[in-house]
Amino acid sequence: MPNLDCVVIGYNEGDFNDYRLMCERSGLQSPEWQIFRKEHLDIDGRPMPWMDMLSTLRNRTTGRNDRYHVGEVFNLASLYLVNFLRRHEVRADAVSLFGAERERLAEMLSGGPSVVAITTTFYVNILSVIPIVDFVRSHAPDAHIVVGGPLIDNLCLDGITDEVQDLFHGMGADSYVRESQGEHTLGLLCRAVMSRGSLGEVPNLITCREGGDWVSNRRKPEANDLDAYAIDWAALSSERIGATAQTRTARSCAFKCSFCDYPTRAGALTTASVETVRQEMRALAELGVRNLVFVDDTFNVPPKRFKELCRMMIEENLGINWYSYFRCSNARDEETFDLAAASGCRGVFLGIESGDMDILANMNKLAQDSQYRVGIARLKERDITTFASIIVGFPGENERTMQNTINFVNETAPTFWRAQPWWGNPRSPVYKNKELYGIQGAAYDWSHATMNSREAAQWCDTMFDRVTESVWLPLYDFDFWSLPYLDGKGLSVDQLVPLLQVSQDLMRERDGARPDTVRLATLNDQLAKGIAALDLAPARFSYVS
């Protein structure tokens, strides 16, 4: 392996038992504990997330040591950073999943890279960062460690407070990047470290000065061109990319839902050209990619561009199936659904959030119940897998609105669904009206005039029991984006649905007032036999003994 100037590290999934303990400490009536209970099954007395359960039971049949994990789909943030650095003649490479690729990472670090960059997409606290920093220090003590991404951006939204100072020291990195994009900043940092230049001239960088205080350099917002810095997929190997990949055709979101502050942080909606997407897809097809995930927050917006993208994919006929976020309220004619199906759409993530019009209005969703119902029906008619994501407990929520949402999910019957308690984000637009709604608290510890976070957790359990016409989808190391990954391994949605139905029955029985041990044993046996009968391709990752 050639020596590198910069190593980029993707996602660290953390330890599931640590996650369990954290949820348990939040209290047995908390949203955190409610979420955990619907994230695991018990195998031989040990709680496991769904994908680990699949791996464990499958390995009993095959005698292998496969670890199936959606992290096999290469971490997109890492790919964009490496792609940018290589275009600026910085020798860079990445690992996608820290826990599963430590041996490869150690080999990369043995060459003495000047900089090691740690991404933080999906992190809500510093716990996942600390073990990565410790690992890098032990294998490349002279490397400059920089941490960037959404976690740092979120921590610094109120400035570098005393609490943030402590968190930066706790993570143990040499610098931090505060910028929602960050590619250009990382490139300048690499050049400065490699030339032993001044870090004080690198915009958006936070460094520790004499006296131990973290200080930010000048801010300079980035606007990296999506066409100019599209990923050069031809420079990557098919072995590392596999059957399923992710890409983006746009940055930010055109909407302003009141529970979300992402558009404020990410800036105006920016799109890549259809021609750029065409070239990327051709390169991906050459690598053997069969399933492609578009991570754009609203792939079918603007509607005219969406139709152009679909027509391009139909014209290219590359044999690639695709998955994306999809906004039903902006799919206003039959042609939209026809083009989606004909171009290879196999599954969509629907941010339904609620089946009650009053709650949708409070959320500023700009969507009608009728648009959701028509959209789900049109997608199902075309055999497109649908996943409905629901938020429980948003300001205004009560028993009536919850019953409307339960009815909505049962009546529209999306393929999959999941509900989670509202996570109160003080920087989201709804907090500007906190006096109107009586909002107190934040995160998973909140109350407002019509509900509190513990009641929301109870309603999630109620939905779990009362929704009968759709199948619950796990979140931890799974989520909707595992569907294309599993399909690439040979596990289709039609095969997955009965396995998840049994899993849901197991959770219901286990968490009931009087669990029936005989029924639990029967369901566990049914699940094990169903998994044993699968014909799956081997996983790229293995469990570390």
Protein backbone atom coordinates (compact mmCIF):
# COMPACT_ATOMS: atom_id res chain seq x y z
CA MET A 1 0.00 0.00 0.00
CA PRO A 2 1.53 3.37 -1.02
CA ASN A 3 2.18 6.00 1.64
CA LEU A 4 -0.59 8.58 2.00
CA ASP A 5 -0.69 12.26 2.83
CA CYS A 6 -4.17 12.02 4.34
CA VAL A 7 -6.31 9.18 5.67
CA VAL A 8 -10.05 9.77 6.01
CA ILE A 9 -12.08 7.70 8.48
CA GLY A 10 -15.81 7.16 7.97
CA TYR A 11 -18.42 5.89 10.39
CA ASN A 12 -17.84 4.35 13.82
CA GLU A 13 -20.91 2.32 14.76
CA GLY A 14 -19.91 2.09 18.43
CA ASP A 15 -20.61 -0.73 20.87
CA PHE A 16 -24.23 -1.88 21.09
CA ASN A 17 -23.92 -2.75 24.77
CA ASP A 18 -22.68 0.78 25.51
CA TYR A 19 -25.71 2.06 23.61
CA ARG A 20 -27.96 -0.17 25.71
CA LEU A 21 -26.48 1.14 28.95
CA MET A 22 -26.84 4.74 27.80
CA CYS A 23 -30.52 4.17 26.97
CA GLU A 24 -31.09 2.37 30.25
CA ARG A 25 -29.61 5.25 32.22
CA SER A 26 -32.11 7.58 30.56
CA GLY A 27 -34.91 5.78 32.41
CA LEU A 28 -37.24 2.91 31.60
CA GLN A 29 -40.01 5.32 30.53
CA SER A 30 -37.72 7.47 28.36
CA PRO A 31 -37.81 7.76 24.57
CA GLU A 32 -34.25 6.41 24.47
CA TRP A 33 -35.28 3.17 26.19
CA GLN A 34 -38.41 2.85 24.04
CA ILE A 35 -36.28 3.18 20.90
CA PHE A 36 -33.77 0.63 22.19
CA ARG A 37 -36.47 -1.95 22.93
CA LYS A 38 -37.59 -1.77 19.30
CA GLU A 39 -34.04 -1.97 17.97
CA HIS A 40 -32.99 -5.40 19.21
CA LEU A 41 -33.75 -9.07 19.48
CA ASP A 42 -32.38 -11.44 22.12
CA ILE A 43 -30.19 -14.25 20.77
CA ASP A 44 -28.96 -16.70 23.41
CA GLY A 45 -29.77 -14.12 26.07
CA ARG A 46 -27.74 -11.39 24.36
CA PRO A 47 -29.42 -8.29 22.90
CA MET A 48 -28.47 -7.73 19.26
CA PRO A 49 -29.44 -5.21 16.60
CA TRP A 50 -31.21 -6.78 13.64
CA MET A 51 -28.24 -6.95 11.30
CA ASP A 52 -26.06 -8.66 13.92
CA MET A 53 -28.88 -11.11 14.52
CA LEU A 54 -28.99 -11.86 10.79
CA SER A 55 -25.23 -12.38 10.72
CA THR A 56 -25.19 -14.59 13.83
CA LEU A 57 -27.99 -16.90 12.72
CA ARG A 58 -26.69 -17.03 9.16
CA ASN A 59 -23.18 -17.97 10.33
CA ARG A 60 -24.60 -20.91 12.24
CA THR A 61 -25.75 -22.32 8.91
CA THR A 62 -22.71 -21.44 6.80
CA GLY A 63 -19.94 -21.86 9.36
CA ARG A 64 -18.55 -18.52 8.19
CA ASN A 65 -17.75 -15.39 10.20
CA ASP A 66 -19.64 -12.89 8.05
CA ARG A 67 -20.64 -9.55 9.48
CA TYR A 68 -23.41 -8.02 7.40
CA HIS A 69 -23.45 -4.26 7.87
CA VAL A 70 -24.76 -1.37 5.80
CA GLY A 71 -21.32 0.19 6.27
CA GLU A 72 -20.23 -2.00 3.35
CA VAL A 73 -21.89 0.70 1.26
CA PHE A 74 -18.92 3.04 1.22
CA ASN A 75 -19.27 6.09 3.47
CA LEU A 76 -20.18 8.91 1.10
CA ALA A 77 -18.70 11.77 3.14
CA SER A 78 -15.33 9.99 3.11
CA LEU A 79 -15.51 9.47 -0.64
CA TYR A 80 -16.21 13.14 -1.32
CA LEU A 81 -13.31 14.24 0.88
CA VAL A 82 -10.87 11.78 -0.72
CA ASN A 83 -12.09 12.71 -4.19
CA PHE A 84 -11.54 16.43 -3.49
CA LEU A 85 -8.06 15.87 -2.06
CA ARG A 86 -6.95 13.69 -4.97
CA ARG A 87 -8.09 16.35 -7.44
CA HIS A 88 -5.73 18.71 -5.61
CA GLU A 89 -2.82 16.26 -5.74
CA VAL A 90 -3.01 15.17 -2.12
CA ARG A 91 -2.50 11.41 -1.79
CA ALA A 92 -5.57 10.28 0.13
CA ASP A 93 -7.64 7.21 0.86
CA ALA A 94 -10.40 6.22 3.29
CA VAL A 95 -11.95 3.47 5.36
CA SER A 96 -15.74 3.29 5.43
CA LEU A 97 -16.48 1.55 8.74
CA PHE A 98 -13.97 2.01 11.57
CA GLY A 99 -14.92 -1.00 13.68
CA ALA A 100 -14.78 -3.46 10.78
CA GLU A 101 -11.68 -2.09 9.01
CA ARG A 102 -9.18 -1.58 11.80
CA GLU A 103 -6.60 -3.89 10.24
CA ARG A 104 -6.69 -2.02 6.94
CA LEU A 105 -6.67 1.32 8.77
CA ALA A 106 -3.62 0.30 10.78
CA GLU A 107 -1.82 -0.56 7.53
CA MET A 108 -2.72 2.87 6.08
CA LEU A 109 -1.51 4.61 9.24
CA SER A 110 1.77 2.69 9.24
CA GLY A 111 2.90 4.80 6.28
CA GLY A 112 2.93 7.93 8.44
CA PRO A 113 0.23 10.17 6.91
CA SER A 114 0.54 13.87 7.64
CA VAL A 115 -3.18 14.28 8.37
CA VAL A 116 -5.95 11.96 9.55
CA ALA A 117 -9.47 13.32 9.05
CA ILE A 118 -12.42 11.97 11.04
CA THR A 119 -15.93 12.53 9.70
CA THR A 120 -18.93 12.79 12.06
CA THR A 121 -22.01 12.21 9.91
CA PHE A 122 -24.81 10.67 12.06
CA TYR A 123 -23.02 11.38 15.39
CA VAL A 124 -24.99 13.13 18.14
CA ASN A 125 -22.21 13.07 20.78
CA ILE A 126 -18.44 12.69 21.04
CA LEU A 127 -18.42 9.06 22.22
CA SER A 128 -17.89 7.63 18.73
CA VAL A 129 -14.96 9.98 18.06
CA ILE A 130 -12.81 9.21 21.11
CA PRO A 131 -11.87 5.58 20.26
CA ILE A 132 -10.93 6.60 16.72
CA VAL A 133 -8.58 9.31 18.00
CA ASP A 134 -7.04 6.86 20.47
CA PHE A 135 -6.52 4.29 17.70
CA VAL A 136 -4.86 6.82 15.40
CA ARG A 137 -2.59 8.10 18.19
CA SER A 138 -1.39 4.55 18.87
CA HIS A 139 -0.61 3.82 15.20
CA ALA A 140 0.41 7.24 13.83
CA PRO A 141 1.51 9.40 16.77
CA ASP A 142 2.92 12.15 14.55
CA ALA A 143 -0.20 12.60 12.41
CA HIS A 144 -2.29 15.75 12.71
CA ILE A 145 -5.82 14.60 13.65
CA VAL A 146 -8.69 16.79 12.51
CA VAL A 147 -12.38 16.22 13.20
CA GLY A 148 -15.11 17.81 11.09
CA GLY A 149 -18.65 17.33 9.90
CA PRO A 150 -22.14 17.79 11.35
CA LEU A 151 -21.19 17.05 14.97
CA ILE A 152 -18.67 19.91 15.09
CA ASP A 153 -21.03 22.24 13.23
CA ASN A 154 -23.79 21.48 15.74
CA LEU A 155 -21.56 21.84 18.80
CA CYS A 156 -20.41 25.28 17.68
CA LEU A 157 -23.75 26.82 16.74
CA ASP A 158 -23.66 28.91 19.95
CA GLY A 159 -19.95 29.56 19.64
CA ILE A 160 -17.03 27.90 21.40
CA THR A 161 -18.54 27.90 24.86
CA ASP A 162 -16.88 26.53 27.99
CA GLU A 163 -18.76 23.26 27.44
CA VAL A 164 -17.50 23.04 23.85
CA GLN A 165 -13.94 23.75 25.06
CA ASP A 166 -14.22 20.72 27.35
CA LEU A 167 -15.69 18.55 24.58
CA PHE A 168 -12.88 19.46 22.19
CA HIS A 169 -10.30 18.55 24.83
CA GLY A 170 -12.24 15.36 25.53
CA MET A 171 -12.16 14.23 21.91
CA GLY A 172 -8.41 14.78 21.83
CA ALA A 173 -7.95 15.89 18.21
CA ASP A 174 -5.42 18.51 17.07
CA SER A 175 -7.96 20.67 15.25
CA TYR A 176 -11.62 20.85 14.29
CA VAL A 177 -13.37 22.08 11.16
CA ARG A 178 -16.52 24.13 11.51
CA GLU A 179 -18.05 24.20 8.05
CA SER A 180 -21.06 22.30 6.68
CA GLN A 181 -19.08 21.23 3.59
CA GLY A 182 -15.42 21.26 4.60
CA GLU A 183 -13.68 19.77 1.55
CA HIS A 184 -11.78 22.96 0.71
CA THR A 185 -10.82 23.55 4.34
CA LEU A 186 -9.40 20.03 4.65
CA GLY A 187 -7.41 20.53 1.47
CA LEU A 188 -5.85 23.74 2.82
CA LEU A 189 -5.12 22.07 6.15
CA CYS A 190 -3.34 19.18 4.43
CA ARG A 191 -1.19 21.60 2.45
CA ALA A 192 -0.34 23.61 5.57
CA VAL A 193 0.62 20.53 7.62
CA MET A 194 2.62 18.95 4.77
CA SER A 195 4.58 22.19 4.21
CA ARG A 196 4.82 22.95 7.93
CA GLY A 197 3.03 26.21 7.30
CA SER A 198 0.85 28.26 9.60
CA LEU A 199 -2.52 26.76 10.56
CA GLY A 200 -3.73 30.24 11.47
CA GLU A 201 -4.36 30.99 7.80
CA VAL A 202 -6.67 28.00 7.25
CA PRO A 203 -10.27 29.27 7.29
CA ASN A 204 -12.95 27.48 9.32
CA LEU A 205 -10.31 25.73 11.43
CA ILE A 206 -10.41 25.62 15.23
CA THR A 207 -7.06 25.07 16.97
CA CYS A 208 -5.80 25.09 20.54
CA ARG A 209 -3.65 28.11 21.31
CA GLU A 210 -1.18 28.69 24.11
CA GLY A 211 -3.02 28.61 27.38
CA GLY A 212 -5.21 25.72 26.31
CA ASP A 213 -8.12 27.61 24.74
CA TRP A 214 -9.67 26.52 21.44
CA VAL A 215 -9.89 29.46 19.05
CA SER A 216 -11.53 29.69 15.65
CA ASN A 217 -9.86 31.09 12.57
CA ARG A 218 -11.85 33.36 10.28
CA ARG A 219 -14.99 31.84 8.80
CA LYS A 220 -15.22 31.44 5.04
CA PRO A 221 -18.33 29.60 3.80
CA GLU A 222 -17.62 27.01 1.13
CA ALA A 223 -19.59 26.59 -2.07
CA ASN A 224 -17.97 23.55 -3.65
CA ASP A 225 -19.23 22.95 -7.17
CA LEU A 226 -21.16 19.67 -7.44
CA ASP A 227 -20.23 19.27 -11.11
CA ALA A 228 -16.55 20.09 -10.73
CA TYR A 229 -16.13 17.79 -7.73
CA ALA A 230 -18.33 14.87 -8.69
CA ILE A 231 -16.80 11.59 -7.52
CA ASP A 232 -14.35 10.00 -9.95
CA TRP A 233 -15.74 6.50 -9.58
CA ALA A 234 -13.34 5.14 -12.21
CA ALA A 235 -10.49 5.67 -9.73
CA LEU A 236 -12.11 3.22 -7.28
CA SER A 237 -12.18 -0.56 -7.36
CA SER A 238 -15.28 -2.70 -7.76
CA GLU A 239 -14.17 -4.82 -4.78
CA ARG A 240 -14.38 -1.82 -2.44
CA ILE A 241 -17.58 -0.34 -3.84
CA GLY A 242 -19.58 -3.56 -4.20
CA ALA A 243 -23.10 -4.01 -5.55
CA THR A 244 -24.59 -0.95 -3.83
CA ALA A 245 -23.36 2.65 -3.77
CA GLN A 246 -24.50 6.09 -2.70
CA THR A 247 -24.23 9.42 -4.46
CA ARG A 248 -25.86 12.83 -4.40
CA THR A 249 -27.17 15.10 -7.11
CA ALA A 250 -28.04 18.04 -4.86
CA ARG A 251 -27.05 19.73 -1.60
CA SER A 252 -29.43 21.15 1.05
CA CYS A 253 -33.24 21.18 0.96
CA ALA A 254 -35.78 23.47 -0.69
CA PHE A 255 -38.23 23.25 2.24
CA LYS A 256 -38.39 24.71 5.73
CA CYS A 257 -40.07 22.12 7.95
CA SER A 258 -40.37 23.58 11.43
CA PHE A 259 -38.71 20.61 13.17
CA CYS A 260 -35.52 20.81 11.06
CA ASP A 261 -32.68 23.34 10.89
CA TYR A 262 -30.73 21.61 8.11
CA PRO A 263 -31.63 24.08 5.30
CA THR A 264 -30.43 26.95 7.48
CA ARG A 265 -27.07 25.29 8.04
CA ALA A 266 -26.62 23.90 4.52
CA GLY A 267 -27.62 27.03 2.59
CA ALA A 268 -29.63 27.31 -0.60
CA LEU A 269 -30.49 24.22 -2.63
CA THR A 270 -27.69 23.48 -5.10
CA THR A 271 -27.92 20.86 -7.84
CA ALA A 272 -25.56 18.99 -10.13
CA SER A 273 -26.27 18.88 -13.85
CA VAL A 274 -28.05 15.92 -15.39
CA GLU A 275 -24.94 15.30 -17.50
CA THR A 276 -22.80 14.97 -14.37
CA VAL A 277 -25.22 12.40 -12.95
CA ARG A 278 -25.16 10.56 -16.28
CA GLN A 279 -21.35 10.29 -16.23
CA GLU A 280 -21.34 9.13 -12.60
CA MET A 281 -23.91 6.44 -13.32
CA ARG A 282 -22.00 5.18 -16.33
CA ALA A 283 -18.88 4.84 -14.19
CA LEU A 284 -20.83 3.08 -11.44
CA ALA A 285 -22.29 0.63 -13.95
CA GLU A 286 -18.75 -0.14 -15.13
CA LEU A 287 -17.87 -1.00 -11.52
CA GLY A 288 -20.77 -3.47 -11.39
CA VAL A 289 -23.05 -1.41 -9.15
CA ARG A 290 -26.64 -2.68 -9.31
CA ASN A 291 -28.29 -0.56 -6.62
CA LEU A 292 -27.79 3.20 -6.25
CA VAL A 293 -28.94 5.37 -3.35
CA PHE A 294 -29.49 9.06 -4.08
CA VAL A 295 -29.02 10.79 -0.72
CA ASP A 296 -30.55 14.12 -1.82
CA ASP A 297 -33.00 15.32 0.82
CA THR A 298 -35.76 15.62 -1.77
CA PHE A 299 -34.69 13.82 -4.93
CA ASN A 300 -37.92 14.59 -6.82
CA VAL A 301 -37.61 18.37 -6.27
CA PRO A 302 -37.57 20.39 -8.48
CA PRO A 303 -40.14 18.22 -10.34
CA LYS A 304 -38.99 19.25 -13.84
CA ARG A 305 -35.39 18.27 -13.08
CA PHE A 306 -36.54 14.98 -11.56
CA LYS A 307 -38.27 14.06 -14.81
CA GLU A 308 -35.12 14.96 -16.74
CA LEU A 309 -33.06 12.68 -14.48
CA CYS A 310 -35.54 9.83 -14.94
CA ARG A 311 -35.55 10.23 -18.73
CA MET A 312 -31.75 10.20 -18.71
CA MET A 313 -31.72 6.94 -16.72
CA ILE A 314 -34.26 5.39 -19.10
CA GLU A 315 -32.17 6.47 -22.08
CA GLU A 316 -28.94 5.08 -20.57
CA ASN A 317 -30.56 1.76 -19.56
CA LEU A 318 -27.62 0.85 -17.33
CA GLY A 319 -29.39 -1.84 -15.31
CA ILE A 320 -29.13 0.16 -12.08
CA ASN A 321 -32.00 0.20 -9.59
CA TRP A 322 -32.28 3.31 -7.46
CA TYR A 323 -33.61 4.40 -4.06
CA SER A 324 -34.16 7.89 -2.67
CA TYR A 325 -36.06 10.27 -0.44
CA PHE A 326 -39.32 11.17 -2.14
CA ARG A 327 -41.82 13.95 -1.48
CA CYS A 328 -45.37 12.86 -2.40
CA SER A 329 -46.71 16.42 -2.32
CA ASN A 330 -44.45 17.31 -5.26
CA ALA A 331 -45.37 14.29 -7.40
CA ARG A 332 -48.42 15.84 -9.01
CA ASP A 333 -49.06 13.79 -12.14
CA GLU A 334 -49.05 10.19 -13.34
CA GLU A 335 -46.03 10.83 -15.53
CA THR A 336 -43.86 11.41 -12.45
CA PHE A 337 -44.65 7.94 -11.09
CA ASP A 338 -44.38 6.31 -14.52
CA LEU A 339 -40.96 7.82 -15.14
CA ALA A 340 -39.74 6.86 -11.67
CA ALA A 341 -40.75 3.23 -12.17
CA ALA A 342 -39.43 3.01 -15.74
CA SER A 343 -36.07 4.51 -14.74
CA GLY A 344 -35.42 1.86 -12.10
CA CYS A 345 -36.89 3.23 -8.88
CA ARG A 346 -37.25 0.34 -6.42
CA GLY A 347 -37.78 2.08 -3.11
CA VAL A 348 -38.49 5.48 -1.58
CA PHE A 349 -38.15 7.00 1.88
CA LEU A 350 -41.28 9.03 2.63
CA GLY A 351 -41.01 11.67 5.34
CA ILE A 352 -44.71 11.44 6.15
CA GLU A 353 -44.16 12.56 9.78
CA SER A 354 -47.88 12.59 10.66
CA GLY A 355 -51.26 11.46 9.38
CA ASP A 356 -53.02 14.45 10.95
CA MET A 357 -53.54 17.68 9.06
CA ASP A 358 -53.19 19.90 12.13
CA ILE A 359 -49.80 18.43 12.99
CA LEU A 360 -48.65 18.69 9.36
CA ALA A 361 -49.61 22.38 9.45
CA ASN A 362 -47.65 22.89 12.69
CA MET A 363 -44.67 21.19 11.02
CA ASN A 364 -44.96 23.48 7.97
CA LYS A 365 -44.84 20.35 5.80
CA LEU A 366 -46.77 21.99 2.95
CA ALA A 367 -48.44 18.64 2.29
CA GLN A 368 -52.01 17.40 2.29
CA ASP A 369 -53.31 14.08 3.57
CA SER A 370 -54.79 13.41 0.14
CA GLN A 371 -51.40 13.93 -1.54
CA TYR A 372 -49.82 11.35 0.76
CA ARG A 373 -52.60 8.85 0.14
CA VAL A 374 -52.51 9.23 -3.64
CA GLY A 375 -48.70 9.17 -3.71
CA ILE A 376 -48.39 5.95 -1.69
CA ALA A 377 -51.09 4.28 -3.78
CA ARG A 378 -49.38 5.28 -7.07
CA LEU A 379 -46.01 4.03 -5.86
CA LYS A 380 -47.45 0.70 -4.70
CA GLU A 381 -49.25 0.24 -8.02
CA ARG A 382 -45.81 0.33 -9.66
CA ASP A 383 -44.24 -2.13 -7.19
CA ILE A 384 -42.04 0.55 -5.64
CA THR A 385 -41.20 -0.20 -2.00
CA THR A 386 -42.43 2.51 0.35
CA PHE A 387 -41.17 3.43 3.82
CA ALA A 388 -43.15 5.90 5.94
CA SER A 389 -41.22 7.73 8.66
CA ILE A 390 -43.36 9.12 11.51
CA ILE A 391 -42.59 11.69 14.22
CA VAL A 392 -44.59 11.27 17.44
CA GLY A 393 -45.20 14.08 19.91
CA PHE A 394 -44.64 17.23 17.86
CA PRO A 395 -46.28 20.29 19.43
CA GLY A 396 -50.04 19.96 19.11
CA GLU A 397 -49.95 16.14 19.29
CA ASN A 398 -52.69 14.49 21.34
CA GLU A 399 -54.77 11.32 21.41
CA ARG A 400 -56.91 12.42 18.46
CA THR A 401 -53.95 13.27 16.21
CA MET A 402 -52.21 10.04 17.14
CA GLN A 403 -55.28 7.97 16.26
CA ASN A 404 -55.42 9.77 12.91
CA THR A 405 -51.80 8.79 12.24
CA ILE A 406 -52.41 5.17 13.22
CA ASN A 407 -55.42 5.08 10.91
CA PHE A 408 -53.40 6.68 8.12
CA VAL A 409 -50.63 4.07 8.25
CA ASN A 410 -53.12 1.18 8.35
CA GLU A 411 -55.24 2.62 5.53
CA THR A 412 -52.37 3.50 3.19
CA ALA A 413 -50.33 0.39 4.12
CA PRO A 414 -46.80 1.40 3.06
CA THR A 415 -44.42 -1.53 2.79
CA PHE A 416 -42.52 -0.42 5.89
CA TRP A 417 -42.96 2.18 8.61
CA ARG A 418 -41.31 3.42 11.79
CA ALA A 419 -42.26 5.95 14.44
CA GLN A 420 -39.95 7.76 16.83
CA PRO A 421 -40.54 10.42 19.47
CA TRP A 422 -39.94 13.98 18.37
CA TRP A 423 -36.38 15.11 19.08
CA GLY A 424 -36.59 18.71 20.25
CA ASN A 425 -33.98 20.79 18.42
CA PRO A 426 -33.78 24.26 19.99
CA ARG A 427 -32.36 25.65 16.75
CA SER A 428 -35.25 24.46 14.63
CA PRO A 429 -37.92 26.99 13.57
CA VAL A 430 -40.63 25.61 15.93
CA TYR A 431 -38.65 26.86 18.92
CA LYS A 432 -39.29 30.41 17.76
CA ASN A 433 -42.88 29.69 18.83
CA LYS A 434 -42.07 27.86 22.05
CA GLU A 435 -44.20 30.21 24.12
CA LEU A 436 -47.17 29.60 21.81
CA TYR A 437 -46.83 25.82 22.15
CA GLY A 438 -45.58 25.84 25.74
CA ILE A 439 -42.37 24.04 24.80
CA GLN A 440 -39.98 23.32 27.64
CA GLY A 441 -36.79 21.27 27.43
CA ALA A 442 -35.15 19.76 24.36
CA ALA A 443 -33.70 16.58 22.81
CA TYR A 444 -35.63 13.62 24.28
CA ASP A 445 -36.54 15.43 27.50
CA TRP A 446 -39.30 17.89 26.68
CA SER A 447 -42.89 18.85 27.32
CA HIS A 448 -45.40 21.14 25.65
CA ALA A 449 -49.04 22.04 26.06
CA THR A 450 -50.42 18.74 24.76
CA MET A 451 -47.79 16.03 25.41
CA ASN A 452 -44.42 15.23 26.97
CA SER A 453 -41.55 13.06 25.77
CA ARG A 454 -42.46 10.07 27.94
CA GLU A 455 -46.02 10.12 26.68
CA ALA A 456 -44.66 10.24 23.14
CA ALA A 457 -42.59 7.12 23.89
CA GLN A 458 -45.74 5.37 25.14
CA TRP A 459 -47.59 6.34 21.97
CA CYS A 460 -44.76 4.85 19.87
CA ASP A 461 -45.36 1.57 21.68
CA THR A 462 -49.09 1.93 21.08
CA MET A 463 -48.47 2.46 17.37
CA PHE A 464 -46.19 -0.57 17.32
CA ASP A 465 -49.09 -2.69 18.57
CA ARG A 466 -51.92 -1.08 16.59
CA VAL A 467 -50.34 -0.71 13.15
CA THR A 468 -51.10 -4.02 11.48
CA GLU A 469 -51.01 -3.26 7.73
CA SER A 470 -47.35 -2.26 7.43
CA VAL A 471 -44.08 -3.76 8.68
CA TRP A 472 -41.86 -2.11 11.28
CA LEU A 473 -38.35 -1.24 10.07
CA PRO A 474 -35.46 -1.19 12.59
CA LEU A 475 -33.17 1.84 12.82
CA TYR A 476 -29.90 0.90 14.57
CA ASP A 477 -27.36 0.01 11.85
CA PHE A 478 -30.31 -0.70 9.55
CA ASP A 479 -32.86 1.92 8.46
CA PHE A 480 -34.34 2.21 4.95
CA TRP A 481 -30.89 2.35 3.36
CA SER A 482 -30.22 -1.27 4.32
CA LEU A 483 -32.81 -2.38 1.77
CA PRO A 484 -30.60 -1.78 -1.32
CA TYR A 485 -27.57 -3.15 0.57
CA LEU A 486 -29.39 -6.38 1.47
CA ASP A 487 -30.80 -6.65 -2.04
CA GLY A 488 -27.23 -6.49 -3.32
CA LYS A 489 -26.44 -9.45 -1.07
CA GLY A 490 -29.38 -11.44 -2.43
CA LEU A 491 -32.02 -10.65 0.21
CA SER A 492 -35.01 -9.10 -1.58
CA VAL A 493 -37.80 -7.08 0.01
CA ASP A 494 -40.20 -9.99 -0.56
CA GLN A 495 -37.86 -12.23 1.46
CA LEU A 496 -37.18 -9.57 4.09
CA VAL A 497 -40.82 -8.73 4.91
CA PRO A 498 -41.70 -12.09 6.56
CA LEU A 499 -38.45 -12.02 8.56
CA LEU A 500 -39.24 -8.56 9.89
CA GLN A 501 -42.83 -9.59 10.62
CA VAL A 502 -41.55 -12.44 12.81
CA SER A 503 -39.09 -10.03 14.43
CA GLN A 504 -41.93 -7.64 15.22
CA ASP A 505 -43.99 -10.48 16.70
CA LEU A 506 -41.01 -11.44 18.86
CA MET A 507 -40.69 -7.90 20.20
CA ARG A 508 -44.40 -7.69 20.93
CA GLU A 509 -44.36 -10.97 22.83
CA ARG A 510 -41.13 -10.20 24.68
CA ASP A 511 -42.27 -6.74 25.77
CA GLY A 512 -45.82 -7.77 26.69
CA ALA A 513 -47.15 -7.90 30.24
CA ARG A 514 -46.87 -11.72 30.37
CA PRO A 515 -44.46 -13.08 27.76
CA ASP A 516 -45.28 -16.60 26.63
CA THR A 517 -41.99 -18.56 26.66
CA VAL A 518 -43.40 -21.26 24.39
CA ARG A 519 -44.50 -18.71 21.79
CA LEU A 520 -41.14 -16.93 22.06
CA ALA A 521 -39.31 -20.19 21.40
CA THR A 522 -41.58 -20.95 18.41
CA LEU A 523 -41.00 -17.50 16.91
CA ASN A 524 -37.23 -17.69 17.45
CA ASP A 525 -37.17 -21.07 15.72
CA GLN A 526 -39.23 -19.68 12.84
CA LEU A 527 -36.82 -16.76 12.43
CA ALA A 528 -33.74 -19.00 12.54
CA LYS A 529 -35.17 -21.34 9.90
CA GLY A 530 -36.13 -18.42 7.66
CA ILE A 531 -32.61 -17.01 7.80
CA ALA A 532 -31.01 -20.44 7.31
CA ALA A 533 -32.97 -20.84 4.06
CA LEU A 534 -31.56 -17.65 2.54
CA ASP A 535 -28.95 -17.72 -0.22
CA LEU A 536 -26.81 -14.67 0.57
CA ALA A 537 -23.54 -13.47 -0.91
CA PRO A 538 -20.73 -13.34 1.68
CA ALA A 539 -20.22 -10.13 3.63
CA ARG A 540 -17.10 -8.06 3.02
CA PHE A 541 -16.59 -7.61 6.77
CA SER A 542 -15.94 -10.21 9.45
CA TYR A 543 -16.31 -10.21 13.22
CA VAL A 544 -13.08 -9.55 15.08
CA SER A 545 -12.34 -12.38 17.49
